Amino acid sequence: MIFYQNKRKKNGWIETLDGAGIEDVIDNVNNQFENPSLDQLFQAFLYYFENDAFLVFKK
């Protein structure tokens, strides 16, 4: 895939989001939950990566 080939590789990892994007995902989850779980944060990260949009959790 061209998408992955154009991403910077470092120590075998592929950069997917910059620091600000990751912070935005975390802020979004923190606004929805007082103490989000690691699973919720991971779900939100994957959703943002795949959809370029924030995940809104059902409560």
N, C-alpha and C. Protein backbone atom coordinates (compact mmCIF):
# COMPACT_ATOMS: atom_id res chain seq x y z
N MET A 1 0.83 -1.19 0.00
CA MET A 1 0.00 0.00 0.00
C MET A 1 0.87 1.25 0.00
N ILE A 2 0.53 2.16 -0.84
CA ILE A 2 1.29 3.41 -0.94
C ILE A 2 1.18 4.21 0.35
N PHE A 3 -0.01 4.18 0.98
CA PHE A 3 -0.23 4.94 2.21
C PHE A 3 0.84 4.60 3.24
N TYR A 4 1.10 3.33 3.45
CA TYR A 4 2.06 2.92 4.46
C TYR A 4 3.50 3.17 4.03
N GLN A 5 3.74 3.09 2.73
CA GLN A 5 5.09 3.32 2.25
C GLN A 5 5.52 4.77 2.45
N ASN A 6 4.56 5.68 2.43
CA ASN A 6 4.88 7.10 2.57
C ASN A 6 5.02 7.52 4.03
N LYS A 7 4.65 6.69 4.95
CA LYS A 7 4.75 7.02 6.36
C LYS A 7 6.17 6.80 6.85
N ARG A 8 6.58 7.63 7.76
CA ARG A 8 7.94 7.53 8.31
C ARG A 8 8.02 6.31 9.23
N LYS A 9 9.04 5.49 9.01
CA LYS A 9 9.25 4.32 9.87
C LYS A 9 10.36 4.63 10.85
N LYS A 10 10.15 4.21 12.09
CA LYS A 10 11.15 4.40 13.13
C LYS A 10 11.11 3.19 14.04
N ASN A 11 12.22 2.49 14.13
CA ASN A 11 12.33 1.30 14.98
C ASN A 11 11.24 0.28 14.68
N GLY A 12 10.87 0.14 13.42
CA GLY A 12 9.86 -0.84 13.03
C GLY A 12 8.43 -0.37 13.20
N TRP A 13 8.23 0.84 13.71
CA TRP A 13 6.89 1.40 13.90
C TRP A 13 6.55 2.34 12.76
N ILE A 14 5.29 2.44 12.43
CA ILE A 14 4.83 3.37 11.41
C ILE A 14 4.07 4.50 12.11
N GLU A 15 4.49 5.73 11.88
CA GLU A 15 3.81 6.87 12.49
C GLU A 15 2.44 7.04 11.86
N THR A 16 1.40 7.09 12.69
CA THR A 16 0.04 7.20 12.18
C THR A 16 -0.58 8.55 12.49
N LEU A 17 -0.29 9.11 13.63
CA LEU A 17 -0.81 10.42 14.03
C LEU A 17 0.30 11.22 14.67
N ASP A 18 0.22 12.52 14.54
CA ASP A 18 1.18 13.36 15.25
C ASP A 18 0.73 13.50 16.70
N GLY A 19 1.56 14.09 17.52
CA GLY A 19 1.27 14.24 18.95
C GLY A 19 -0.03 14.98 19.21
N ALA A 20 -0.29 16.03 18.44
CA ALA A 20 -1.51 16.83 18.64
C ALA A 20 -2.75 15.99 18.33
N GLY A 21 -2.68 15.15 17.30
CA GLY A 21 -3.82 14.30 16.96
C GLY A 21 -4.12 13.29 18.06
N ILE A 22 -3.07 12.71 18.62
CA ILE A 22 -3.25 11.76 19.71
C ILE A 22 -3.85 12.46 20.93
N GLU A 23 -3.35 13.65 21.24
CA GLU A 23 -3.90 14.42 22.36
C GLU A 23 -5.37 14.75 22.14
N ASP A 24 -5.74 15.06 20.90
CA ASP A 24 -7.15 15.36 20.59
C ASP A 24 -8.04 14.14 20.82
N VAL A 25 -7.56 12.97 20.42
CA VAL A 25 -8.33 11.74 20.64
C VAL A 25 -8.50 11.50 22.13
N ILE A 26 -7.43 11.65 22.90
CA ILE A 26 -7.50 11.45 24.35
C ILE A 26 -8.43 12.47 25.00
N ASP A 27 -8.36 13.73 24.58
CA ASP A 27 -9.26 14.76 25.13
C ASP A 27 -10.71 14.43 24.84
N ASN A 28 -10.98 13.94 23.63
CA ASN A 28 -12.35 13.59 23.27
C ASN A 28 -12.88 12.50 24.18
N VAL A 29 -12.08 11.46 24.43
CA VAL A 29 -12.53 10.36 25.30
C VAL A 29 -12.67 10.85 26.74
N ASN A 30 -11.74 11.68 27.19
CA ASN A 30 -11.83 12.22 28.55
C ASN A 30 -13.07 13.09 28.75
N ASN A 31 -13.54 13.71 27.69
CA ASN A 31 -14.78 14.51 27.78
C ASN A 31 -16.02 13.64 27.89
N GLN A 32 -15.89 12.38 27.49
CA GLN A 32 -17.03 11.47 27.55
C GLN A 32 -17.04 10.58 28.79
N PHE A 33 -15.86 10.35 29.37
CA PHE A 33 -15.74 9.48 30.55
C PHE A 33 -14.85 10.14 31.58
N GLU A 34 -15.21 9.98 32.84
CA GLU A 34 -14.39 10.53 33.91
C GLU A 34 -13.05 9.80 34.01
N ASN A 35 -13.08 8.48 33.92
CA ASN A 35 -11.87 7.66 33.96
C ASN A 35 -11.93 6.62 32.85
N PRO A 36 -11.57 7.01 31.61
CA PRO A 36 -11.67 6.06 30.51
C PRO A 36 -10.68 4.91 30.67
N SER A 37 -11.09 3.75 30.18
CA SER A 37 -10.22 2.57 30.23
C SER A 37 -9.24 2.62 29.06
N LEU A 38 -8.20 1.82 29.16
CA LEU A 38 -7.24 1.72 28.08
C LEU A 38 -7.93 1.20 26.81
N ASP A 39 -8.87 0.29 26.99
CA ASP A 39 -9.61 -0.25 25.85
C ASP A 39 -10.42 0.85 25.15
N GLN A 40 -11.06 1.72 25.91
CA GLN A 40 -11.81 2.82 25.32
C GLN A 40 -10.90 3.77 24.55
N LEU A 41 -9.74 4.06 25.12
CA LEU A 41 -8.79 4.93 24.44
C LEU A 41 -8.29 4.28 23.15
N PHE A 42 -8.02 2.99 23.19
CA PHE A 42 -7.55 2.28 22.00
C PHE A 42 -8.62 2.24 20.92
N GLN A 43 -9.86 1.97 21.32
CA GLN A 43 -10.98 1.98 20.37
C GLN A 43 -11.10 3.34 19.70
N ALA A 44 -10.98 4.40 20.49
CA ALA A 44 -11.09 5.76 19.97
C ALA A 44 -9.96 6.06 18.99
N PHE A 45 -8.75 5.62 19.31
CA PHE A 45 -7.61 5.82 18.43
C PHE A 45 -7.82 5.11 17.10
N LEU A 46 -8.22 3.85 17.14
CA LEU A 46 -8.46 3.09 15.92
C LEU A 46 -9.56 3.73 15.07
N TYR A 47 -10.63 4.14 15.74
CA TYR A 47 -11.73 4.77 15.02
C TYR A 47 -11.27 6.05 14.33
N TYR A 48 -10.50 6.86 15.03
CA TYR A 48 -9.99 8.11 14.45
C TYR A 48 -9.07 7.82 13.26
N PHE A 49 -8.22 6.83 13.41
CA PHE A 49 -7.28 6.46 12.34
C PHE A 49 -8.03 5.98 11.09
N GLU A 50 -9.07 5.17 11.29
CA GLU A 50 -9.79 4.59 10.16
C GLU A 50 -10.82 5.53 9.55
N ASN A 51 -11.36 6.47 10.33
CA ASN A 51 -12.47 7.30 9.87
C ASN A 51 -12.18 8.79 9.83
N ASP A 52 -11.03 9.21 10.35
CA ASP A 52 -10.70 10.62 10.43
C ASP A 52 -11.81 11.40 11.13
N ALA A 53 -12.34 10.79 12.18
CA ALA A 53 -13.42 11.39 12.96
C ALA A 53 -13.33 10.85 14.38
N PHE A 54 -13.89 11.60 15.32
CA PHE A 54 -13.88 11.18 16.71
C PHE A 54 -15.00 10.18 16.98
N LEU A 55 -14.71 9.21 17.82
CA LEU A 55 -15.69 8.21 18.22
C LEU A 55 -16.57 8.80 19.32
N VAL A 56 -17.87 8.65 19.13
CA VAL A 56 -18.82 9.02 20.18
C VAL A 56 -19.34 7.71 20.77
N PHE A 57 -18.99 7.48 22.03
CA PHE A 57 -19.39 6.25 22.71
C PHE A 57 -20.85 6.33 23.10
N LYS A 58 -21.54 5.20 23.01
CA LYS A 58 -22.91 5.10 23.51
C LYS A 58 -22.85 4.89 25.00
N LYS A 59 -23.67 5.61 25.71
CA LYS A 59 -23.67 5.48 27.18
C LYS A 59 -24.86 4.70 27.65
